[in-house]
PDB file of N, CA and C in Angstrom:
ATOM      1  N   ALA A   1       6.745   3.800 -21.011  1.00  0.00           N
ATOM      2  CA  ALA A   1       7.371   2.662 -20.361  1.00  0.00           C
ATOM      3  C   ALA A   1       8.146   1.889 -21.418  1.00  0.00           C
ATOM      4  N   VAL A   2       9.410   1.658 -21.156  1.00  0.00           N
ATOM      5  CA  VAL A   2      10.254   0.904 -22.071  1.00  0.00           C
ATOM      6  C   VAL A   2      10.418  -0.508 -21.513  1.00  0.00           C
ATOM      7  N   VAL A   3      10.235  -1.502 -22.374  1.00  0.00           N
ATOM      8  CA  VAL A   3      10.389  -2.904 -21.998  1.00  0.00           C
ATOM      9  C   VAL A   3      11.693  -3.417 -22.612  1.00  0.00           C
ATOM     10  N   GLU A   4      12.534  -4.012 -21.769  1.00  0.00           N
ATOM     11  CA  GLU A   4      13.777  -4.612 -22.241  1.00  0.00           C
ATOM     12  C   GLU A   4      13.825  -6.074 -21.807  1.00  0.00           C
ATOM     13  N   VAL A   5      14.301  -6.921 -22.702  1.00  0.00           N
ATOM     14  CA  VAL A   5      14.541  -8.332 -22.399  1.00  0.00           C
ATOM     15  C   VAL A   5      15.989  -8.625 -22.772  1.00  0.00           C
ATOM     16  N   ASP A   6      16.735  -9.180 -21.837  1.00  0.00           N
ATOM     17  CA  ASP A   6      18.162  -9.452 -22.046  1.00  0.00           C
ATOM     18  C   ASP A   6      18.917  -8.193 -22.466  1.00  0.00           C
ATOM     19  N   GLY A   7      18.521  -7.033 -21.949  1.00  0.00           N
ATOM     20  CA  GLY A   7      19.203  -5.778 -22.235  1.00  0.00           C
ATOM     21  C   GLY A   7      18.831  -5.119 -23.544  1.00  0.00           C
ATOM     22  N   ALA A   8      17.961  -5.734 -24.328  1.00  0.00           N
ATOM     23  CA  ALA A   8      17.545  -5.159 -25.612  1.00  0.00           C
ATOM     24  C   ALA A   8      16.103  -4.665 -25.530  1.00  0.00           C
ATOM     25  N   GLU A   9      15.881  -3.451 -26.014  1.00  0.00           N
ATOM     26  CA  GLU A   9      14.523  -2.901 -26.013  1.00  0.00           C
ATOM     27  C   GLU A   9      13.639  -3.715 -26.944  1.00  0.00           C
ATOM     28  N   THR A  10      12.482  -4.150 -26.416  1.00  0.00           N
ATOM     29  CA  THR A  10      11.552  -4.936 -27.215  1.00  0.00           C
ATOM     30  C   THR A  10      10.235  -4.217 -27.457  1.00  0.00           C
ATOM     31  N   ALA A  11       9.921  -3.213 -26.622  1.00  0.00           N
ATOM     32  CA  ALA A  11       8.656  -2.487 -26.798  1.00  0.00           C
ATOM     33  C   ALA A  11       8.698  -1.181 -26.022  1.00  0.00           C
ATOM     34  N   ARG A  12       7.822  -0.270 -26.427  1.00  0.00           N
ATOM     35  CA  ARG A  12       7.643   1.014 -25.763  1.00  0.00           C
ATOM     36  C   ARG A  12       6.154   1.295 -25.710  1.00  0.00           C
ATOM     37  N   TYR A  13       5.649   1.665 -24.528  1.00  0.00           N
ATOM     38  CA  TYR A  13       4.226   1.941 -24.366  1.00  0.00           C
ATOM     39  C   TYR A  13       4.033   3.292 -23.697  1.00  0.00           C
ATOM     40  N   SER A  14       3.106   4.066 -24.224  1.00  0.00           N
ATOM     41  CA  SER A  14       2.753   5.346 -23.611  1.00  0.00           C
ATOM     42  C   SER A  14       1.929   5.088 -22.356  1.00  0.00           C
ATOM     43  N   LEU A  15       2.162   5.887 -21.331  1.00  0.00           N
ATOM     44  CA  LEU A  15       1.361   5.775 -20.112  1.00  0.00           C
ATOM     45  C   LEU A  15       0.027   6.502 -20.243  1.00  0.00           C
ATOM     46  N   THR A  16      -0.183   7.174 -21.368  1.00  0.00           N
ATOM     47  CA  THR A  16      -1.434   7.923 -21.546  1.00  0.00           C
ATOM     48  C   THR A  16      -2.569   7.043 -22.066  1.00  0.00           C
ATOM     49  N   GLN A  17      -2.257   5.829 -22.501  1.00  0.00           N
ATOM     50  CA  GLN A  17      -3.275   4.920 -23.018  1.00  0.00           C
ATOM     51  C   GLN A  17      -3.328   3.664 -22.156  1.00  0.00           C
ATOM     52  N   ASP A  18      -4.466   3.438 -21.497  1.00  0.00           N
ATOM     53  CA  ASP A  18      -4.617   2.249 -20.659  1.00  0.00           C
ATOM     54  C   ASP A  18      -4.598   0.998 -21.530  1.00  0.00           C
ATOM     55  N   ARG A  19      -3.889  -0.027 -21.060  1.00  0.00           N
ATOM     56  CA  ARG A  19      -3.809  -1.281 -21.801  1.00  0.00           C
ATOM     57  C   ARG A  19      -3.254  -2.372 -20.896  1.00  0.00           C
ATOM     58  N   THR A  20      -3.425  -3.604 -21.323  1.00  0.00           N
ATOM     59  CA  THR A  20      -2.824  -4.759 -20.669  1.00  0.00           C
ATOM     60  C   THR A  20      -2.130  -5.566 -21.755  1.00  0.00           C
ATOM     61  N   VAL A  21      -0.858  -5.900 -21.520  1.00  0.00           N
ATOM     62  CA  VAL A  21      -0.044  -6.577 -22.525  1.00  0.00           C
ATOM     63  C   VAL A  21       0.628  -7.786 -21.880  1.00  0.00           C
ATOM     64  N   ARG A  22       0.571  -8.913 -22.566  1.00  0.00           N
ATOM     65  CA  ARG A  22       1.298 -10.100 -22.110  1.00  0.00           C
ATOM     66  C   ARG A  22       2.670 -10.072 -22.768  1.00  0.00           C
ATOM     67  N   LEU A  23       3.715 -10.106 -21.945  1.00  0.00           N
ATOM     68  CA  LEU A  23       5.092 -10.052 -22.424  1.00  0.00           C
ATOM     69  C   LEU A  23       5.718 -11.435 -22.286  1.00  0.00           C
ATOM     70  N   GLU A  24       6.156 -12.008 -23.388  1.00  0.00           N
ATOM     71  CA  GLU A  24       6.852 -13.297 -23.373  1.00  0.00           C
ATOM     72  C   GLU A  24       8.337 -12.997 -23.204  1.00  0.00           C
ATOM     73  N   ALA A  25       8.948 -13.568 -22.168  1.00  0.00           N
ATOM     74  CA  ALA A  25      10.353 -13.267 -21.899  1.00  0.00           C
ATOM     75  C   ALA A  25      10.986 -14.383 -21.091  1.00  0.00           C
ATOM     76  N   GLY A  26      12.221 -14.716 -21.417  1.00  0.00           N
ATOM     77  CA  GLY A  26      12.997 -15.663 -20.620  1.00  0.00           C
ATOM     78  C   GLY A  26      12.324 -17.000 -20.392  1.00  0.00           C
ATOM     79  N   GLY A  27      11.539 -17.464 -21.344  1.00  0.00           N
ATOM     80  CA  GLY A  27      10.871 -18.749 -21.205  1.00  0.00           C
ATOM     81  C   GLY A  27       9.592 -18.701 -20.387  1.00  0.00           C
ATOM     82  N   GLY A  28       9.130 -17.509 -20.054  1.00  0.00           N
ATOM     83  CA  GLY A  28       7.899 -17.364 -19.285  1.00  0.00           C
ATOM     84  C   GLY A  28       7.141 -16.145 -19.751  1.00  0.00           C
ATOM     85  N   TYR A  29       6.264 -15.648 -18.883  1.00  0.00           N
ATOM     86  CA  TYR A  29       5.498 -14.465 -19.251  1.00  0.00           C
ATOM     87  C   TYR A  29       5.308 -13.537 -18.060  1.00  0.00           C
ATOM     88  N   ASN A  30       5.080 -12.278 -18.374  1.00  0.00           N
ATOM     89  CA  ASN A  30       4.709 -11.242 -17.409  1.00  0.00           C
ATOM     90  C   ASN A  30       3.565 -10.473 -18.045  1.00  0.00           C
ATOM     91  N   VAL A  31       2.624 -10.026 -17.240  1.00  0.00           N
ATOM     92  CA  VAL A  31       1.530  -9.205 -17.738  1.00  0.00           C
ATOM     93  C   VAL A  31       1.780  -7.773 -17.271  1.00  0.00           C
ATOM     94  N   LEU A  32       1.936  -6.879 -18.241  1.00  0.00           N
ATOM     95  CA  LEU A  32       2.144  -5.455 -17.965  1.00  0.00           C
ATOM     96  C   LEU A  32       0.807  -4.749 -18.076  1.00  0.00           C
ATOM     97  N   SER A  33       0.415  -4.054 -17.017  1.00  0.00           N
ATOM     98  CA  SER A  33      -0.808  -3.263 -17.021  1.00  0.00           C
ATOM     99  C   SER A  33      -0.445  -1.791 -16.951  1.00  0.00           C
ATOM    100  N   ILE A  34      -1.086  -1.004 -17.797  1.00  0.00           N
ATOM    101  CA  ILE A  34      -0.916   0.446 -17.787  1.00  0.00           C
ATOM    102  C   ILE A  34      -2.286   1.050 -17.564  1.00  0.00           C
ATOM    103  N   SER A  35      -2.386   1.856 -16.523  1.00  0.00           N
ATOM    104  CA  SER A  35      -3.662   2.470 -16.163  1.00  0.00           C
ATOM    105  C   SER A  35      -3.403   3.729 -15.355  1.00  0.00           C
ATOM    106  N   GLY A  36      -4.143   4.788 -15.654  1.00  0.00           N
ATOM    107  CA  GLY A  36      -4.009   6.015 -14.876  1.00  0.00           C
ATOM    108  C   GLY A  36      -2.622   6.618 -14.916  1.00  0.00           C
ATOM    109  N   ARG A  37      -1.945   6.513 -16.074  1.00  0.00           N
ATOM    110  CA  ARG A  37      -0.604   7.056 -16.267  1.00  0.00           C
ATOM    111  C   ARG A  37       0.449   6.399 -15.377  1.00  0.00           C
ATOM    112  N   ARG A  38       0.279   5.114 -15.093  1.00  0.00           N
ATOM    113  CA  ARG A  38       1.255   4.353 -14.319  1.00  0.00           C
ATOM    114  C   ARG A  38       1.281   2.926 -14.843  1.00  0.00           C
ATOM    115  N   ALA A  39       2.324   2.189 -14.489  1.00  0.00           N
ATOM    116  CA  ALA A  39       2.512   0.839 -15.005  1.00  0.00           C
ATOM    117  C   ALA A  39       2.831  -0.124 -13.862  1.00  0.00           C
ATOM    118  N   ALA A  40       2.425  -1.389 -14.049  1.00  0.00           N
ATOM    119  CA  ALA A  40       2.727  -2.437 -13.076  1.00  0.00           C
ATOM    120  C   ALA A  40       2.757  -3.780 -13.786  1.00  0.00           C
ATOM    121  N   VAL A  41       3.575  -4.692 -13.264  1.00  0.00           N
ATOM    122  CA  VAL A  41       3.483  -6.085 -13.678  1.00  0.00           C
ATOM    123  C   VAL A  41       2.471  -6.705 -12.720  1.00  0.00           C
ATOM    124  N   THR A  42       1.330  -7.099 -13.258  1.00  0.00           N
ATOM    125  CA  THR A  42       0.222  -7.576 -12.425  1.00  0.00           C
ATOM    126  C   THR A  42       0.112  -9.090 -12.359  1.00  0.00           C
ATOM    127  N   GLU A  43       0.871  -9.777 -13.212  1.00  0.00           N
ATOM    128  CA  GLU A  43       0.865 -11.241 -13.206  1.00  0.00           C
ATOM    129  C   GLU A  43       2.151 -11.731 -13.844  1.00  0.00           C
ATOM    130  N   ALA A  44       2.658 -12.856 -13.348  1.00  0.00           N
ATOM    131  CA  ALA A  44       3.869 -13.448 -13.917  1.00  0.00           C
ATOM    132  C   ALA A  44       3.936 -14.910 -13.511  1.00  0.00           C
ATOM    133  N   ASP A  45       4.649 -15.710 -14.301  1.00  0.00           N
ATOM    134  CA  ASP A  45       4.810 -17.113 -13.943  1.00  0.00           C
ATOM    135  C   ASP A  45       6.222 -17.415 -13.429  1.00  0.00           C
ATOM    136  N   CYS A  46       6.941 -16.382 -13.002  1.00  0.00           N
ATOM    137  CA  CYS A  46       8.256 -16.585 -12.399  1.00  0.00           C
ATOM    138  C   CYS A  46       8.090 -17.137 -10.986  1.00  0.00           C
ATOM    139  N   GLY A  47       9.165 -17.611 -10.414  1.00  0.00           N
ATOM    140  CA  GLY A  47       9.099 -18.259  -9.109  1.00  0.00           C
ATOM    141  C   GLY A  47       8.893 -17.333  -7.928  1.00  0.00           C
ATOM    142  N   ASP A  48       9.502 -16.137  -7.970  1.00  0.00           N
ATOM    143  CA  ASP A  48       9.474 -15.297  -6.763  1.00  0.00           C
ATOM    144  C   ASP A  48       8.445 -14.170  -6.790  1.00  0.00           C
ATOM    145  N   HIS A  49       7.941 -13.789  -7.931  1.00  0.00           N
ATOM    146  CA  HIS A  49       6.934 -12.724  -8.085  1.00  0.00           C
ATOM    147  C   HIS A  49       7.365 -11.366  -7.522  1.00  0.00           C
ATOM    148  N   THR A  50       8.679 -11.133  -7.427  1.00  0.00           N
ATOM    149  CA  THR A  50       9.171  -9.828  -6.986  1.00  0.00           C
ATOM    150  C   THR A  50       8.677  -8.726  -7.924  1.00  0.00           C
ATOM    151  N   CYS A  51       8.611  -9.033  -9.206  1.00  0.00           N
ATOM    152  CA  CYS A  51       8.144  -8.049 -10.191  1.00  0.00           C
ATOM    153  C   CYS A  51       6.705  -7.626  -9.902  1.00  0.00           C
ATOM    154  N   VAL A  52       5.868  -8.558  -9.500  1.00  0.00           N
ATOM    155  CA  VAL A  52       4.479  -8.252  -9.178  1.00  0.00           C
ATOM    156  C   VAL A  52       4.413  -7.454  -7.866  1.00  0.00           C
ATOM    157  N   SER A  53       5.253  -7.819  -6.915  1.00  0.00           N
ATOM    158  CA  SER A  53       5.276  -7.140  -5.611  1.00  0.00           C
ATOM    159  C   SER A  53       5.752  -5.703  -5.697  1.00  0.00           C
ATOM    160  N   THR A  54       6.473  -5.353  -6.759  1.00  0.00           N
ATOM    161  CA  THR A  54       6.964  -3.981  -6.918  1.00  0.00           C
ATOM    162  C   THR A  54       5.817  -2.982  -6.937  1.00  0.00           C
ATOM    163  N   GLY A  55       4.697  -3.363  -7.502  1.00  0.00           N
ATOM    164  CA  GLY A  55       3.540  -2.471  -7.562  1.00  0.00           C
ATOM    165  C   GLY A  55       3.640  -1.485  -8.711  1.00  0.00           C
ATOM    166  N   TRP A  56       2.913  -0.389  -8.584  1.00  0.00           N
ATOM    167  CA  TRP A  56       2.782   0.610  -9.650  1.00  0.00           C
ATOM    168  C   TRP A  56       3.959   1.574  -9.656  1.00  0.00           C
ATOM    169  N   ILE A  57       4.423   1.920 -10.857  1.00  0.00           N
ATOM    170  CA  ILE A  57       5.471   2.923 -11.026  1.00  0.00           C
ATOM    171  C   ILE A  57       4.969   3.988 -11.995  1.00  0.00           C
ATOM    172  N   ASP A  58       5.439   5.228 -11.801  1.00  0.00           N
ATOM    173  CA  ASP A  58       4.978   6.304 -12.688  1.00  0.00           C
ATOM    174  C   ASP A  58       5.982   7.438 -12.868  1.00  0.00           C
ATOM    175  N   ARG A  59       7.146   7.352 -12.238  1.00  0.00           N
ATOM    176  CA  ARG A  59       8.145   8.423 -12.344  1.00  0.00           C
ATOM    177  C   ARG A  59       9.351   7.979 -13.152  1.00  0.00           C
ATOM    178  N   ARG A  60       9.907   8.912 -13.904  1.00  0.00           N
ATOM    179  CA  ARG A  60      11.093   8.630 -14.705  1.00  0.00           C
ATOM    180  C   ARG A  60      12.175   8.008 -13.833  1.00  0.00           C
ATOM    181  N   GLY A  61      12.763   6.938 -14.353  1.00  0.00           N
ATOM    182  CA  GLY A  61      13.829   6.247 -13.639  1.00  0.00           C
ATOM    183  C   GLY A  61      13.350   5.084 -12.792  1.00  0.00           C
ATOM    184  N   GLU A  62      12.061   5.024 -12.465  1.00  0.00           N
ATOM    185  CA  GLU A  62      11.540   3.882 -11.713  1.00  0.00           C
ATOM    186  C   GLU A  62      11.497   2.663 -12.638  1.00  0.00           C
ATOM    187  N   ALA A  63      11.721   1.486 -12.063  1.00  0.00           N
ATOM    188  CA  ALA A  63      11.757   0.277 -12.879  1.00  0.00           C
ATOM    189  C   ALA A  63      11.157  -0.904 -12.125  1.00  0.00           C
ATOM    190  N   ILE A  64      10.656  -1.842 -12.906  1.00  0.00           N
ATOM    191  CA  ILE A  64      10.217  -3.141 -12.409  1.00  0.00           C
ATOM    192  C   ILE A  64      11.141  -4.164 -13.062  1.00  0.00           C
ATOM    193  N   ILE A  65      11.693  -5.051 -12.248  1.00  0.00           N
ATOM    194  CA  ILE A  65      12.665  -6.014 -12.758  1.00  0.00           C
ATOM    195  C   ILE A  65      12.211  -7.429 -12.423  1.00  0.00           C
ATOM    196  N   CYS A  66      12.247  -8.282 -13.425  1.00  0.00           N
ATOM    197  CA  CYS A  66      11.989  -9.714 -13.234  1.00  0.00           C
ATOM    198  C   CYS A  66      13.270 -10.439 -13.620  1.00  0.00           C
ATOM    199  N   LEU A  67      14.077 -10.795 -12.627  1.00  0.00           N
ATOM    200  CA  LEU A  67      15.351 -11.463 -12.906  1.00  0.00           C
ATOM    201  C   LEU A  67      15.178 -12.821 -13.575  1.00  0.00           C
ATOM    202  N   PRO A  68      14.226 -13.660 -13.135  1.00  0.00           N
ATOM    203  CA  PRO A  68      14.100 -14.966 -13.795  1.00  0.00           C
ATOM    204  C   PRO A  68      13.817 -14.861 -15.298  1.00  0.00           C
ATOM    205  N   HIS A  69      13.081 -13.826 -15.714  1.00  0.00           N
ATOM    206  CA  HIS A  69      12.747 -13.665 -17.131  1.00  0.00           C
ATOM    207  C   HIS A  69      13.643 -12.659 -17.840  1.00  0.00           C
ATOM    208  N   ARG A  70      14.617 -12.077 -17.085  1.00  0.00           N
ATOM    209  CA  ARG A  70      15.540 -11.086 -17.644  1.00  0.00           C
ATOM    210  C   ARG A  70      14.780  -9.918 -18.281  1.00  0.00           C
ATOM    211  N   LEU A  71      13.740  -9.468 -17.585  1.00  0.00           N
ATOM    212  CA  LEU A  71      12.837  -8.423 -18.063  1.00  0.00           C
ATOM    213  C   LEU A  71      12.974  -7.176 -17.202  1.00  0.00           C
ATOM    214  N   VAL A  72      13.009  -6.013 -17.864  1.00  0.00           N
ATOM    215  CA  VAL A  72      13.006  -4.727 -17.166  1.00  0.00           C
ATOM    216  C   VAL A  72      11.945  -3.850 -17.815  1.00  0.00           C
ATOM    217  N   VAL A  73      11.106  -3.242 -16.977  1.00  0.00           N
ATOM    218  CA  VAL A  73      10.156  -2.226 -17.438  1.00  0.00           C
ATOM    219  C   VAL A  73      10.568  -0.941 -16.742  1.00  0.00           C
ATOM    220  N   GLU A  74      10.929   0.081 -17.513  1.00  0.00           N
ATOM    221  CA  GLU A  74      11.416   1.338 -16.934  1.00  0.00           C
ATOM    222  C   GLU A  74      10.627   2.511 -17.483  1.00  0.00           C
ATOM    223  N   ILE A  75      10.341   3.461 -16.599  1.00  0.00           N
ATOM    224  CA  ILE A  75       9.667   4.689 -17.014  1.00  0.00           C
ATOM    225  C   ILE A  75      10.726   5.639 -17.566  1.00  0.00           C
ATOM    226  N   VAL A  76      10.504   6.130 -18.763  1.00  0.00           N
ATOM    227  CA  VAL A  76      11.386   7.118 -19.386  1.00  0.00           C
ATOM    228  C   VAL A  76      10.544   8.333 -19.745  1.00  0.00           C
ATOM    229  N   GLY A  77      11.182   9.507 -19.840  1.00  0.00           N
ATOM    230  CA  GLY A  77      10.434  10.725 -20.130  1.00  0.00           C
ATOM    231  C   GLY A  77       9.607  11.118 -18.922  1.00  0.00           C
ATOM    232  N   GLY A  78       8.747  12.110 -19.089  1.00  0.00           N
ATOM    233  CA  GLY A  78       7.883  12.543 -17.994  1.00  0.00           C
ATOM    234  C   GLY A  78       8.660  13.234 -16.893  1.00  0.00           C
ATOM    235  N   GLU A  79       8.101  13.188 -15.689  1.00  0.00           N
ATOM    236  CA  GLU A  79       8.682  13.900 -14.550  1.00  0.00           C
ATOM    237  C   GLU A  79       9.830  13.107 -13.946  1.00  0.00           C
ATOM    238  N   HIS A  80      10.804  13.847 -13.379  1.00  0.00           N
ATOM    239  CA  HIS A  80      11.879  13.207 -12.642  1.00  0.00           C
ATOM    240  C   HIS A  80      11.308  12.615 -11.377  1.00  0.00           C
ATOM    241  N   GLY A  81      11.897  11.485 -10.949  1.00  0.00           N
ATOM    242  CA  GLY A  81      11.547  10.945  -9.642  1.00  0.00           C
ATOM    243  C   GLY A  81      12.029  11.916  -8.586  1.00  0.00           C
ATOM    244  N   GLY A  82      11.214  12.193  -7.622  1.00  0.00           N
ATOM    245  CA  GLY A  82      11.585  13.137  -6.576  1.00  0.00           C
ATOM    246  C   GLY A  82      11.542  12.456  -5.235  1.00  0.00           C
ATOM    247  N   PRO A  83      11.689  13.218  -4.176  1.00  0.00           N
ATOM    248  CA  PRO A  83      11.636  12.619  -2.850  1.00  0.00           C
ATOM    249  C   PRO A  83      10.233  12.094  -2.565  1.00  0.00           C
ATOM    250  N   ASP A  84      10.166  11.004  -1.804  1.00  0.00           N
ATOM    251  CA  ASP A  84       8.877  10.439  -1.442  1.00  0.00           C
ATOM    252  C   ASP A  84       8.256  11.173  -0.258  1.00  0.00           C
ATOM    253  N   ALA A  85       9.082  11.870   0.509  1.00  0.00           N
ATOM    254  CA  ALA A  85       8.580  12.605   1.670  1.00  0.00           C
ATOM    255  C   ALA A  85       9.500  13.804   1.905  1.00  0.00           C
ATOM    256  N   VAL A  86       8.973  14.782   2.581  1.00  0.00           N
ATOM    257  CA  VAL A  86       9.762  15.967   2.909  1.00  0.00           C
ATOM    258  C   VAL A  86       9.878  16.039   4.423  1.00  0.00           C
ATOM    259  N   ALA A  87      11.109  16.140   4.893  1.00  0.00           N
ATOM    260  CA  ALA A  87      11.349  16.235   6.338  1.00  0.00           C
ATOM    261  C   ALA A  87      11.357  17.692   6.757  1.00  0.00           C
ATOM    262  N   GLY A  88      10.657  17.992   7.823  1.00  0.00           N
ATOM    263  CA  GLY A  88      10.627  19.357   8.346  1.00  0.00           C
ATOM    264  C   GLY A  88      11.695  19.536   9.398  1.00  0.00           C
ATOM    265  N   GLY A  89      12.028  20.782   9.642  1.00  0.00           N
ATOM    266  CA  GLY A  89      13.099  20.967  10.613  1.00  0.00           C
ATOM    267  C   GLY A  89      12.851  21.972  11.604  1.00  0.00           C
TER     268      GLY A  89
END
């Protein structure tokens, strides 16, 4: 998981090691939790909490965005994001 603030990479965390990290960004904070090879923002002091509502991500290209704090957490490496469902015909 790559963490960016204002478009600049500030940290990189492996999804293979469970951890909880407090990220200071944009005058506030977000709590990044990594567990079971997936990541989520589980707490934040922003106004809308959209970042928290995003839930868990685990596929390359998936991201959690906190606009008030100008924070992006994106999954890089690993498996490509694929379809969420398969339609039969």
